[in-house]
Amino acid sequence: MNLPFSPEQMIYLLDMVGIIACAIAGTTLALYKRFDLFGCILVSMVNAIGGGTLRDVMLDRHPLFWMTDLSYVVVITLTSILGQMFFHRHQRIDGMLKLFDAIGLAAFSVIGLTVALSFDAHPIIAILMAVMTSIAGGIMRDMICNEIPLVLQKEIYISASIAGSVLYLILLHFGVADWMRETVALMTIFGIRMLAVKFDWHLPSIQLRR
């Protein structure tokens, strides 16, 4: 099956989807916390590019992706400004935050995995980079906003990223096409996360009872 765009363009598109989703999530939480214009933009930046920046530093990938392509900064800033214009403080943010977090989780997990694999990283390291890319920005966002990070609670979050990444690697082993691997991994991660939200799934505690 021939696609109208190359694998590189597909990855860039996924990156932009994740950037926009995380910028919306960051702006939503920052507005709820009554941050000003530039405070909201800052939180959006941290949320959207924080994970990818940490990934690139750990992989010694220079220069950083958003320093060579200003589209990232422009898209995040415009998304945050538009989000601030149309945000209504009385609306419930929990559902919105989790929806856009799930979109960013799926997109950035695939991005992190493929970037690490392009550096010939071991599959385990590639999975760790997928998790790092998808959660680090959200952790920093929540810390700035004085919230307990979702990923540090009993949420089905990291496990969704790992499940999608493992499935991607299995499909890679069997020679499945790039676009199919990425699509299946995206749908798996997003689906697991949203099902967990809908049915209130949580990871069990392994704390021993006394």
N, C-alpha and C. Protein backbone atom coordinates (compact mmCIF):
# COMPACT_ATOMS: atom_id res chain seq x y z
N MET A 1 0.85 -1.21 0.00
CA MET A 1 0.00 0.00 0.00
C MET A 1 0.88 1.25 0.00
N ASN A 2 0.70 2.11 -0.99
CA ASN A 2 1.48 3.34 -1.08
C ASN A 2 0.77 4.48 -0.38
N LEU A 3 1.50 5.12 0.54
CA LEU A 3 0.94 6.25 1.27
C LEU A 3 1.35 7.55 0.60
N PRO A 4 0.54 8.62 0.77
CA PRO A 4 0.85 9.90 0.13
C PRO A 4 2.01 10.65 0.79
N PHE A 5 2.61 10.05 1.83
CA PHE A 5 3.73 10.71 2.49
C PHE A 5 4.75 9.67 2.91
N SER A 6 5.98 10.12 3.13
CA SER A 6 7.08 9.23 3.48
C SER A 6 7.04 8.91 4.97
N PRO A 7 7.79 7.88 5.41
CA PRO A 7 7.85 7.58 6.85
C PRO A 7 8.33 8.76 7.68
N GLU A 8 9.28 9.54 7.14
CA GLU A 8 9.77 10.71 7.86
C GLU A 8 8.66 11.75 8.04
N GLN A 9 7.86 11.94 6.99
CA GLN A 9 6.75 12.89 7.09
C GLN A 9 5.69 12.38 8.06
N MET A 10 5.48 11.06 8.11
CA MET A 10 4.54 10.47 9.04
C MET A 10 4.97 10.74 10.48
N ILE A 11 6.26 10.56 10.75
CA ILE A 11 6.79 10.80 12.10
C ILE A 11 6.64 12.27 12.47
N TYR A 12 6.93 13.16 11.51
CA TYR A 12 6.80 14.59 11.78
C TYR A 12 5.35 14.96 12.07
N LEU A 13 4.43 14.36 11.34
CA LEU A 13 3.01 14.60 11.57
C LEU A 13 2.60 14.13 12.95
N LEU A 14 3.06 12.95 13.33
CA LEU A 14 2.77 12.43 14.67
C LEU A 14 3.33 13.37 15.74
N ASP A 15 4.54 13.87 15.50
CA ASP A 15 5.17 14.79 16.44
C ASP A 15 4.31 16.03 16.63
N MET A 16 3.80 16.58 15.54
CA MET A 16 2.97 17.77 15.63
C MET A 16 1.63 17.49 16.33
N VAL A 17 1.07 16.32 16.08
CA VAL A 17 -0.16 15.93 16.79
C VAL A 17 0.09 15.89 18.29
N GLY A 18 1.20 15.26 18.69
CA GLY A 18 1.54 15.20 20.11
C GLY A 18 1.82 16.57 20.69
N ILE A 19 2.52 17.42 19.93
CA ILE A 19 2.85 18.77 20.38
C ILE A 19 1.57 19.56 20.65
N ILE A 20 0.63 19.52 19.71
CA ILE A 20 -0.62 20.27 19.86
C ILE A 20 -1.43 19.73 21.02
N ALA A 21 -1.53 18.41 21.15
CA ALA A 21 -2.30 17.81 22.23
C ALA A 21 -1.73 18.19 23.59
N CYS A 22 -0.41 18.12 23.72
CA CYS A 22 0.22 18.44 25.00
C CYS A 22 0.16 19.94 25.29
N ALA A 23 0.22 20.76 24.25
CA ALA A 23 0.09 22.21 24.46
C ALA A 23 -1.31 22.55 24.98
N ILE A 24 -2.32 21.88 24.45
CA ILE A 24 -3.69 22.09 24.92
C ILE A 24 -3.83 21.63 26.37
N ALA A 25 -3.27 20.45 26.67
CA ALA A 25 -3.35 19.92 28.04
C ALA A 25 -2.65 20.86 29.02
N GLY A 26 -1.46 21.33 28.63
CA GLY A 26 -0.71 22.23 29.51
C GLY A 26 -1.43 23.55 29.73
N THR A 27 -1.98 24.12 28.67
CA THR A 27 -2.70 25.38 28.78
C THR A 27 -3.95 25.23 29.63
N THR A 28 -4.66 24.12 29.46
CA THR A 28 -5.88 23.88 30.22
C THR A 28 -5.59 23.84 31.72
N LEU A 29 -4.56 23.10 32.10
CA LEU A 29 -4.23 23.02 33.53
C LEU A 29 -3.71 24.35 34.05
N ALA A 30 -2.88 25.04 33.27
CA ALA A 30 -2.33 26.32 33.71
C ALA A 30 -3.43 27.36 33.90
N LEU A 31 -4.41 27.39 33.01
CA LEU A 31 -5.52 28.32 33.16
C LEU A 31 -6.37 28.00 34.38
N TYR A 32 -6.57 26.72 34.62
CA TYR A 32 -7.33 26.30 35.80
C TYR A 32 -6.61 26.75 37.08
N LYS A 33 -5.27 26.80 37.00
CA LYS A 33 -4.48 27.26 38.15
C LYS A 33 -4.29 28.78 38.14
N ARG A 34 -4.96 29.47 37.19
CA ARG A 34 -4.96 30.93 37.09
C ARG A 34 -3.59 31.51 36.73
N PHE A 35 -2.86 30.84 35.86
CA PHE A 35 -1.61 31.39 35.35
C PHE A 35 -1.93 32.48 34.33
N ASP A 36 -0.98 33.40 34.13
CA ASP A 36 -1.19 34.47 33.16
C ASP A 36 -0.81 33.99 31.75
N LEU A 37 -0.85 34.90 30.79
CA LEU A 37 -0.59 34.58 29.39
C LEU A 37 0.71 33.82 29.19
N PHE A 38 1.80 34.40 29.69
CA PHE A 38 3.10 33.80 29.45
C PHE A 38 3.34 32.58 30.34
N GLY A 39 2.69 32.56 31.50
CA GLY A 39 2.77 31.38 32.35
C GLY A 39 2.14 30.18 31.66
N CYS A 40 1.02 30.39 30.99
CA CYS A 40 0.35 29.31 30.25
C CYS A 40 1.21 28.82 29.10
N ILE A 41 1.84 29.76 28.39
CA ILE A 41 2.70 29.37 27.27
C ILE A 41 3.90 28.57 27.78
N LEU A 42 4.47 28.99 28.90
CA LEU A 42 5.61 28.28 29.48
C LEU A 42 5.23 26.84 29.85
N VAL A 43 4.09 26.69 30.53
CA VAL A 43 3.64 25.35 30.92
C VAL A 43 3.40 24.49 29.68
N SER A 44 2.84 25.09 28.63
CA SER A 44 2.60 24.37 27.39
C SER A 44 3.91 23.92 26.75
N MET A 45 4.91 24.80 26.76
CA MET A 45 6.22 24.46 26.21
C MET A 45 6.83 23.28 26.95
N VAL A 46 6.81 23.37 28.27
CA VAL A 46 7.39 22.31 29.09
C VAL A 46 6.68 20.99 28.84
N ASN A 47 5.35 21.04 28.79
CA ASN A 47 4.57 19.83 28.57
C ASN A 47 4.84 19.21 27.19
N ALA A 48 4.94 20.07 26.19
CA ALA A 48 5.03 19.59 24.81
C ALA A 48 6.42 19.13 24.40
N ILE A 49 7.47 19.81 24.86
CA ILE A 49 8.81 19.47 24.39
C ILE A 49 9.73 18.97 25.49
N GLY A 50 9.24 18.93 26.73
CA GLY A 50 10.09 18.50 27.84
C GLY A 50 10.58 17.07 27.70
N GLY A 51 9.67 16.16 27.36
CA GLY A 51 10.05 14.76 27.23
C GLY A 51 11.00 14.51 26.08
N GLY A 52 10.73 15.14 24.94
CA GLY A 52 11.60 14.98 23.78
C GLY A 52 12.97 15.56 24.01
N THR A 53 13.03 16.67 24.74
CA THR A 53 14.32 17.29 25.06
C THR A 53 15.16 16.37 25.94
N LEU A 54 14.53 15.81 26.98
CA LEU A 54 15.25 14.90 27.87
C LEU A 54 15.71 13.66 27.11
N ARG A 55 14.87 13.15 26.23
CA ARG A 55 15.24 12.00 25.40
C ARG A 55 16.47 12.30 24.55
N ASP A 56 16.46 13.45 23.88
CA ASP A 56 17.57 13.80 23.00
C ASP A 56 18.86 13.99 23.78
N VAL A 57 18.77 14.56 24.97
CA VAL A 57 19.96 14.73 25.81
C VAL A 57 20.52 13.37 26.20
N MET A 58 19.64 12.44 26.58
CA MET A 58 20.09 11.11 27.01
C MET A 58 20.68 10.31 25.84
N LEU A 59 20.15 10.54 24.64
CA LEU A 59 20.67 9.84 23.46
C LEU A 59 21.83 10.59 22.80
N ASP A 60 22.20 11.75 23.38
CA ASP A 60 23.25 12.60 22.82
C ASP A 60 22.90 12.98 21.38
N ARG A 61 21.64 13.37 21.19
CA ARG A 61 21.15 13.75 19.87
C ARG A 61 21.12 15.28 19.78
N HIS A 62 22.04 15.83 19.07
CA HIS A 62 22.16 17.29 18.99
C HIS A 62 22.21 17.74 17.52
N PRO A 63 21.77 18.98 17.27
CA PRO A 63 21.10 19.91 18.19
C PRO A 63 19.69 19.44 18.52
N LEU A 64 19.13 19.99 19.59
CA LEU A 64 17.79 19.61 20.01
C LEU A 64 16.78 19.92 18.90
N PHE A 65 15.81 19.05 18.75
CA PHE A 65 14.88 19.13 17.61
C PHE A 65 14.17 20.47 17.51
N TRP A 66 13.78 21.06 18.62
CA TRP A 66 13.01 22.30 18.56
C TRP A 66 13.88 23.53 18.38
N MET A 67 15.20 23.35 18.47
CA MET A 67 16.11 24.46 18.23
C MET A 67 16.46 24.62 16.75
N THR A 68 16.26 23.55 15.99
CA THR A 68 16.55 23.61 14.56
C THR A 68 15.30 23.79 13.72
N ASP A 69 14.14 23.58 14.34
CA ASP A 69 12.87 23.73 13.63
C ASP A 69 11.94 24.58 14.51
N LEU A 70 11.86 25.87 14.19
CA LEU A 70 11.07 26.79 15.02
C LEU A 70 9.57 26.53 14.91
N SER A 71 9.16 25.63 14.02
CA SER A 71 7.73 25.31 13.91
C SER A 71 7.18 24.82 15.24
N TYR A 72 8.01 24.11 16.01
CA TYR A 72 7.56 23.60 17.30
C TYR A 72 7.18 24.74 18.25
N VAL A 73 8.07 25.71 18.37
CA VAL A 73 7.82 26.85 19.26
C VAL A 73 6.61 27.64 18.79
N VAL A 74 6.51 27.86 17.48
CA VAL A 74 5.39 28.62 16.92
C VAL A 74 4.07 27.91 17.15
N VAL A 75 4.03 26.61 16.86
CA VAL A 75 2.79 25.84 17.02
C VAL A 75 2.36 25.80 18.48
N ILE A 76 3.29 25.58 19.39
CA ILE A 76 2.95 25.54 20.82
C ILE A 76 2.41 26.88 21.28
N THR A 77 3.08 27.96 20.89
CA THR A 77 2.65 29.30 21.30
C THR A 77 1.26 29.63 20.77
N LEU A 78 1.02 29.38 19.49
CA LEU A 78 -0.29 29.67 18.90
C LEU A 78 -1.38 28.80 19.52
N THR A 79 -1.07 27.53 19.75
CA THR A 79 -2.05 26.64 20.37
C THR A 79 -2.41 27.11 21.76
N SER A 80 -1.41 27.52 22.52
CA SER A 80 -1.66 28.00 23.88
C SER A 80 -2.51 29.28 23.87
N ILE A 81 -2.19 30.20 22.97
CA ILE A 81 -2.95 31.46 22.90
C ILE A 81 -4.40 31.19 22.51
N LEU A 82 -4.61 30.33 21.51
CA LEU A 82 -5.97 29.98 21.10
C LEU A 82 -6.71 29.27 22.22
N GLY A 83 -6.00 28.40 22.92
CA GLY A 83 -6.61 27.71 24.04
C GLY A 83 -7.05 28.67 25.13
N GLN A 84 -6.24 29.68 25.38
CA GLN A 84 -6.59 30.68 26.40
C GLN A 84 -7.79 31.52 25.97
N MET A 85 -7.91 31.76 24.69
CA MET A 85 -9.02 32.58 24.18
C MET A 85 -10.36 31.86 24.32
N PHE A 86 -10.34 30.53 24.15
CA PHE A 86 -11.61 29.79 24.12
C PHE A 86 -11.86 28.97 25.39
N PHE A 87 -10.99 29.09 26.37
CA PHE A 87 -11.16 28.34 27.61
C PHE A 87 -12.23 29.00 28.47
N HIS A 88 -13.09 28.18 29.06
CA HIS A 88 -14.10 28.67 30.00
C HIS A 88 -13.81 28.05 31.37
N ARG A 89 -13.58 28.89 32.33
CA ARG A 89 -13.11 28.43 33.62
C ARG A 89 -14.10 27.51 34.33
N HIS A 90 -15.37 27.63 34.00
CA HIS A 90 -16.37 26.82 34.70
C HIS A 90 -16.43 25.38 34.18
N GLN A 91 -15.81 25.11 33.02
CA GLN A 91 -15.93 23.78 32.45
C GLN A 91 -15.04 22.79 33.20
N ARG A 92 -15.44 21.54 33.16
CA ARG A 92 -14.67 20.49 33.80
C ARG A 92 -13.40 20.23 32.98
N ILE A 93 -12.25 20.21 33.64
CA ILE A 93 -11.00 20.04 32.91
C ILE A 93 -10.48 18.61 33.00
N ASP A 94 -11.00 17.82 33.92
CA ASP A 94 -10.44 16.49 34.13
C ASP A 94 -10.52 15.64 32.86
N GLY A 95 -11.71 15.62 32.24
CA GLY A 95 -11.88 14.82 31.03
C GLY A 95 -11.03 15.32 29.89
N MET A 96 -11.00 16.66 29.70
CA MET A 96 -10.19 17.25 28.62
C MET A 96 -8.71 16.94 28.81
N LEU A 97 -8.25 17.09 30.05
CA LEU A 97 -6.84 16.88 30.35
C LEU A 97 -6.44 15.44 30.04
N LYS A 98 -7.28 14.50 30.44
CA LYS A 98 -6.95 13.10 30.23
C LYS A 98 -7.04 12.71 28.76
N LEU A 99 -7.97 13.32 28.03
CA LEU A 99 -8.07 13.03 26.59
C LEU A 99 -6.82 13.48 25.85
N PHE A 100 -6.44 14.74 26.04
CA PHE A 100 -5.27 15.25 25.32
C PHE A 100 -3.97 14.64 25.84
N ASP A 101 -3.95 14.28 27.12
CA ASP A 101 -2.80 13.54 27.65
C ASP A 101 -2.66 12.20 26.94
N ALA A 102 -3.80 11.54 26.69
CA ALA A 102 -3.77 10.23 26.03
C ALA A 102 -3.28 10.36 24.59
N ILE A 103 -3.70 11.42 23.91
CA ILE A 103 -3.23 11.65 22.53
C ILE A 103 -1.72 11.88 22.53
N GLY A 104 -1.26 12.74 23.45
CA GLY A 104 0.17 13.01 23.55
C GLY A 104 0.95 11.77 23.96
N LEU A 105 0.39 10.98 24.87
CA LEU A 105 1.04 9.75 25.32
C LEU A 105 1.29 8.81 24.14
N ALA A 106 0.26 8.62 23.32
CA ALA A 106 0.37 7.71 22.17
C ALA A 106 1.37 8.23 21.14
N ALA A 107 1.22 9.50 20.76
CA ALA A 107 2.09 10.07 19.72
C ALA A 107 3.55 10.10 20.16
N PHE A 108 3.80 10.57 21.39
CA PHE A 108 5.18 10.71 21.85
C PHE A 108 5.84 9.37 22.17
N SER A 109 5.03 8.36 22.53
CA SER A 109 5.60 7.03 22.75
C SER A 109 6.18 6.49 21.44
N VAL A 110 5.41 6.63 20.37
CA VAL A 110 5.87 6.15 19.06
C VAL A 110 7.07 6.96 18.59
N ILE A 111 7.03 8.27 18.79
CA ILE A 111 8.15 9.12 18.39
C ILE A 111 9.42 8.72 19.15
N GLY A 112 9.30 8.60 20.47
CA GLY A 112 10.46 8.25 21.29
C GLY A 112 11.04 6.90 20.91
N LEU A 113 10.18 5.94 20.64
CA LEU A 113 10.63 4.61 20.26
C LEU A 113 11.37 4.63 18.93
N THR A 114 10.79 5.29 17.93
CA THR A 114 11.40 5.31 16.60
C THR A 114 12.71 6.10 16.59
N VAL A 115 12.78 7.18 17.35
CA VAL A 115 14.03 7.94 17.42
C VAL A 115 15.13 7.09 18.04
N ALA A 116 14.81 6.41 19.15
CA ALA A 116 15.81 5.56 19.80
C ALA A 116 16.26 4.43 18.88
N LEU A 117 15.33 3.82 18.17
CA LEU A 117 15.69 2.73 17.25
C LEU A 117 16.55 3.23 16.11
N SER A 118 16.34 4.48 15.68
CA SER A 118 17.17 5.05 14.61
C SER A 118 18.60 5.25 15.06
N PHE A 119 18.83 5.27 16.39
CA PHE A 119 20.17 5.36 16.96
C PHE A 119 20.71 3.98 17.32
N ASP A 120 20.03 2.94 16.81
CA ASP A 120 20.43 1.55 17.06
C ASP A 120 20.44 1.21 18.55
N ALA A 121 19.51 1.80 19.29
CA ALA A 121 19.40 1.50 20.72
C ALA A 121 18.86 0.09 20.92
N HIS A 122 19.25 -0.54 22.00
CA HIS A 122 18.70 -1.84 22.38
C HIS A 122 17.19 -1.70 22.57
N PRO A 123 16.41 -2.72 22.22
CA PRO A 123 14.95 -2.62 22.36
C PRO A 123 14.48 -2.17 23.74
N ILE A 124 15.15 -2.62 24.80
CA ILE A 124 14.75 -2.20 26.15
C ILE A 124 14.99 -0.71 26.34
N ILE A 125 16.13 -0.22 25.85
CA ILE A 125 16.42 1.20 25.94
C ILE A 125 15.43 2.00 25.09
N ALA A 126 15.07 1.46 23.93
CA ALA A 126 14.11 2.14 23.06
C ALA A 126 12.75 2.27 23.76
N ILE A 127 12.34 1.23 24.47
CA ILE A 127 11.08 1.30 25.22
C ILE A 127 11.17 2.35 26.33
N LEU A 128 12.31 2.39 27.00
CA LEU A 128 12.51 3.40 28.05
C LEU A 128 12.45 4.81 27.46
N MET A 129 13.01 4.99 26.28
CA MET A 129 12.96 6.30 25.63
C MET A 129 11.54 6.65 25.20
N ALA A 130 10.76 5.65 24.81
CA ALA A 130 9.36 5.89 24.48
C ALA A 130 8.61 6.38 25.70
N VAL A 131 8.84 5.72 26.82
CA VAL A 131 8.19 6.13 28.08
C VAL A 131 8.66 7.52 28.50
N MET A 132 9.97 7.74 28.43
CA MET A 132 10.53 9.04 28.83
C MET A 132 9.96 10.17 27.98
N THR A 133 9.91 9.97 26.67
CA THR A 133 9.40 11.01 25.78
C THR A 133 7.94 11.33 26.08
N SER A 134 7.18 10.33 26.44
CA SER A 134 5.73 10.51 26.60
C SER A 134 5.31 11.01 27.97
N ILE A 135 6.14 10.82 29.00
CA ILE A 135 5.68 11.18 30.35
C ILE A 135 6.44 12.33 31.00
N ALA A 136 7.69 12.57 30.58
CA ALA A 136 8.52 13.55 31.30
C ALA A 136 7.92 14.95 31.26
N GLY A 137 7.41 15.36 30.09
CA GLY A 137 6.81 16.69 29.98
C GLY A 137 5.61 16.85 30.89
N GLY A 138 4.78 15.82 30.97
CA GLY A 138 3.60 15.88 31.85
C GLY A 138 3.97 15.94 33.32
N ILE A 139 5.04 15.23 33.69
CA ILE A 139 5.50 15.28 35.08
C ILE A 139 5.96 16.68 35.43
N MET A 140 6.75 17.29 34.54
CA MET A 140 7.23 18.66 34.79
C MET A 140 6.08 19.65 34.83
N ARG A 141 5.10 19.47 33.93
CA ARG A 141 3.91 20.34 33.92
C ARG A 141 3.18 20.28 35.25
N ASP A 142 2.94 19.07 35.72
CA ASP A 142 2.19 18.91 36.97
C ASP A 142 2.96 19.46 38.17
N MET A 143 4.28 19.32 38.15
CA MET A 143 5.09 19.85 39.25
C MET A 143 5.03 21.38 39.26
N ILE A 144 5.11 22.00 38.08
CA ILE A 144 5.01 23.46 38.00
C ILE A 144 3.65 23.93 38.51
N CYS A 145 2.61 23.17 38.20
CA CYS A 145 1.24 23.53 38.60
C CYS A 145 0.87 23.01 39.98
N ASN A 146 1.87 22.49 40.71
CA ASN A 146 1.66 22.02 42.08
C ASN A 146 0.61 20.91 42.15
N GLU A 147 0.71 19.98 41.20
CA GLU A 147 -0.18 18.81 41.16
C GLU A 147 0.65 17.55 41.30
N ILE A 148 0.06 16.51 41.88
CA ILE A 148 0.72 15.21 41.92
C ILE A 148 0.66 14.63 40.50
N PRO A 149 1.80 14.34 39.88
CA PRO A 149 1.78 13.83 38.50
C PRO A 149 0.92 12.58 38.35
N LEU A 150 0.12 12.56 37.29
CA LEU A 150 -0.75 11.41 37.03
C LEU A 150 0.03 10.11 36.97
N VAL A 151 1.20 10.17 36.34
CA VAL A 151 1.96 8.94 36.12
C VAL A 151 2.54 8.37 37.40
N LEU A 152 2.57 9.16 38.47
CA LEU A 152 3.07 8.68 39.75
C LEU A 152 1.96 8.14 40.63
N GLN A 153 0.74 8.19 40.12
CA GLN A 153 -0.38 7.61 40.84
C GLN A 153 -0.63 6.21 40.27
N LYS A 154 -1.77 5.62 40.58
CA LYS A 154 -2.05 4.26 40.14
C LYS A 154 -2.71 4.23 38.76
N GLU A 155 -2.48 5.27 37.98
CA GLU A 155 -3.10 5.38 36.66
C GLU A 155 -2.46 4.39 35.67
N ILE A 156 -3.28 3.86 34.74
CA ILE A 156 -2.76 3.06 33.63
C ILE A 156 -2.18 4.03 32.62
N TYR A 157 -0.90 4.27 32.70
CA TYR A 157 -0.27 5.32 31.91
C TYR A 157 1.04 4.81 31.31
N ILE A 158 2.02 4.57 32.17
CA ILE A 158 3.30 4.04 31.69
C ILE A 158 3.10 2.67 31.06
N SER A 159 2.24 1.86 31.67
CA SER A 159 2.02 0.51 31.16
C SER A 159 1.41 0.53 29.76
N ALA A 160 0.59 1.55 29.46
CA ALA A 160 0.02 1.68 28.12
C ALA A 160 1.12 1.96 27.10
N SER A 161 2.05 2.83 27.46
CA SER A 161 3.18 3.15 26.58
C SER A 161 4.04 1.92 26.35
N ILE A 162 4.30 1.16 27.40
CA ILE A 162 5.12 -0.04 27.27
C ILE A 162 4.43 -1.07 26.39
N ALA A 163 3.12 -1.26 26.59
CA ALA A 163 2.37 -2.25 25.80
C ALA A 163 2.42 -1.92 24.31
N GLY A 164 2.18 -0.64 23.97
CA GLY A 164 2.22 -0.23 22.58
C GLY A 164 3.62 -0.35 21.98
N SER A 165 4.62 -0.05 22.77
CA SER A 165 6.01 -0.12 22.30
C SER A 165 6.42 -1.57 22.04
N VAL A 166 6.04 -2.46 22.95
CA VAL A 166 6.37 -3.88 22.77
C VAL A 166 5.68 -4.42 21.52
N LEU A 167 4.42 -4.04 21.32
CA LEU A 167 3.70 -4.48 20.13
C LEU A 167 4.38 -3.97 18.86
N TYR A 168 4.84 -2.72 18.89
CA TYR A 168 5.57 -2.15 17.74
C TYR A 168 6.81 -2.99 17.42
N LEU A 169 7.55 -3.36 18.45
CA LEU A 169 8.78 -4.13 18.25
C LEU A 169 8.48 -5.53 17.71
N ILE A 170 7.38 -6.11 18.15
CA ILE A 170 6.98 -7.42 17.63
C ILE A 170 6.66 -7.32 16.14
N LEU A 171 5.91 -6.28 15.77
CA LEU A 171 5.57 -6.08 14.36
C LEU A 171 6.82 -5.79 13.53
N LEU A 172 7.75 -5.05 14.13
CA LEU A 172 9.02 -4.77 13.44
C LEU A 172 9.78 -6.08 13.17
N HIS A 173 9.77 -6.96 14.15
CA HIS A 173 10.46 -8.25 14.01
C HIS A 173 9.89 -9.06 12.84
N PHE A 174 8.60 -8.95 12.62
CA PHE A 174 7.95 -9.70 11.55
C PHE A 174 7.89 -8.93 10.22
N GLY A 175 8.56 -7.78 10.18
CA GLY A 175 8.69 -7.05 8.92
C GLY A 175 7.44 -6.30 8.47
N VAL A 176 6.56 -5.95 9.40
CA VAL A 176 5.36 -5.20 9.07
C VAL A 176 5.75 -3.78 8.66
N ALA A 177 5.03 -3.21 7.73
CA ALA A 177 5.33 -1.87 7.20
C ALA A 177 5.34 -0.81 8.29
N ASP A 178 6.15 0.24 8.07
CA ASP A 178 6.30 1.31 9.05
C ASP A 178 4.96 1.91 9.47
N TRP A 179 4.15 2.30 8.49
CA TRP A 179 2.91 2.99 8.80
C TRP A 179 1.95 2.09 9.58
N MET A 180 1.99 0.79 9.30
CA MET A 180 1.12 -0.14 10.01
C MET A 180 1.57 -0.30 11.46
N ARG A 181 2.89 -0.42 11.66
CA ARG A 181 3.43 -0.53 13.02
C ARG A 181 3.05 0.69 13.85
N GLU A 182 3.25 1.87 13.25
CA GLU A 182 2.97 3.10 13.97
C GLU A 182 1.49 3.25 14.28
N THR A 183 0.64 2.91 13.32
CA THR A 183 -0.80 3.02 13.52
C THR A 183 -1.29 2.08 14.61
N VAL A 184 -0.82 0.84 14.58
CA VAL A 184 -1.23 -0.15 15.58
C VAL A 184 -0.74 0.26 16.98
N ALA A 185 0.50 0.72 17.06
CA ALA A 185 1.03 1.15 18.36
C ALA A 185 0.25 2.34 18.90
N LEU A 186 -0.04 3.31 18.03
CA LEU A 186 -0.82 4.48 18.44
C LEU A 186 -2.19 4.09 18.98
N MET A 187 -2.89 3.26 18.23
CA MET A 187 -4.24 2.86 18.62
C MET A 187 -4.22 2.05 19.90
N THR A 188 -3.20 1.23 20.07
CA THR A 188 -3.08 0.42 21.28
C THR A 188 -2.88 1.28 22.51
N ILE A 189 -1.93 2.20 22.43
CA ILE A 189 -1.62 3.06 23.57
C ILE A 189 -2.81 3.95 23.92
N PHE A 190 -3.37 4.60 22.90
CA PHE A 190 -4.51 5.49 23.13
C PHE A 190 -5.70 4.69 23.65
N GLY A 191 -5.95 3.52 23.06
CA GLY A 191 -7.09 2.71 23.47
C GLY A 191 -6.99 2.24 24.90
N ILE A 192 -5.81 1.75 25.29
CA ILE A 192 -5.62 1.28 26.67
C ILE A 192 -5.82 2.42 27.66
N ARG A 193 -5.24 3.58 27.33
CA ARG A 193 -5.34 4.72 28.24
C ARG A 193 -6.78 5.19 28.40
N MET A 194 -7.52 5.30 27.29
CA MET A 194 -8.89 5.80 27.37
C MET A 194 -9.83 4.76 28.00
N LEU A 195 -9.58 3.48 27.77
CA LEU A 195 -10.38 2.45 28.44
C LEU A 195 -10.14 2.49 29.95
N ALA A 196 -8.89 2.75 30.33
CA ALA A 196 -8.57 2.86 31.75
C ALA A 196 -9.30 4.04 32.39
N VAL A 197 -9.38 5.15 31.65
CA VAL A 197 -10.10 6.33 32.15
C VAL A 197 -11.59 6.03 32.25
N LYS A 198 -12.15 5.42 31.20
CA LYS A 198 -13.59 5.16 31.16
C LYS A 198 -14.04 4.18 32.25
N PHE A 199 -13.26 3.12 32.43
CA PHE A 199 -13.67 2.07 33.37
C PHE A 199 -12.94 2.14 34.70
N ASP A 200 -12.20 3.24 34.89
CA ASP A 200 -11.51 3.50 36.16
C ASP A 200 -10.57 2.35 36.54
N TRP A 201 -9.78 1.91 35.55
CA TRP A 201 -8.78 0.88 35.82
C TRP A 201 -7.59 1.51 36.52
N HIS A 202 -7.05 0.80 37.48
CA HIS A 202 -5.85 1.26 38.19
C HIS A 202 -4.91 0.09 38.39
N LEU A 203 -3.64 0.38 38.49
CA LEU A 203 -2.67 -0.66 38.79
C LEU A 203 -2.78 -1.06 40.25
N PRO A 204 -2.68 -2.34 40.55
CA PRO A 204 -2.76 -2.78 41.95
C PRO A 204 -1.51 -2.40 42.72
N SER A 205 -1.65 -2.28 44.00
CA SER A 205 -0.50 -2.00 44.86
C SER A 205 0.13 -3.32 45.28
N ILE A 206 1.47 -3.32 45.38
CA ILE A 206 2.15 -4.54 45.84
C ILE A 206 2.61 -4.40 47.30
N GLN A 207 2.10 -3.36 47.97
CA GLN A 207 2.48 -3.15 49.36
C GLN A 207 1.98 -4.30 50.22
N LEU A 208 2.85 -4.83 51.03
CA LEU A 208 2.50 -5.96 51.88
C LEU A 208 1.67 -5.48 53.06
N ARG A 209 0.61 -6.21 53.36
CA ARG A 209 -0.22 -5.86 54.51
C ARG A 209 0.39 -6.42 55.78
N ARG A 210 0.19 -5.68 56.87
CA ARG A 210 0.72 -6.12 58.16
C ARG A 210 -0.43 -6.52 59.08
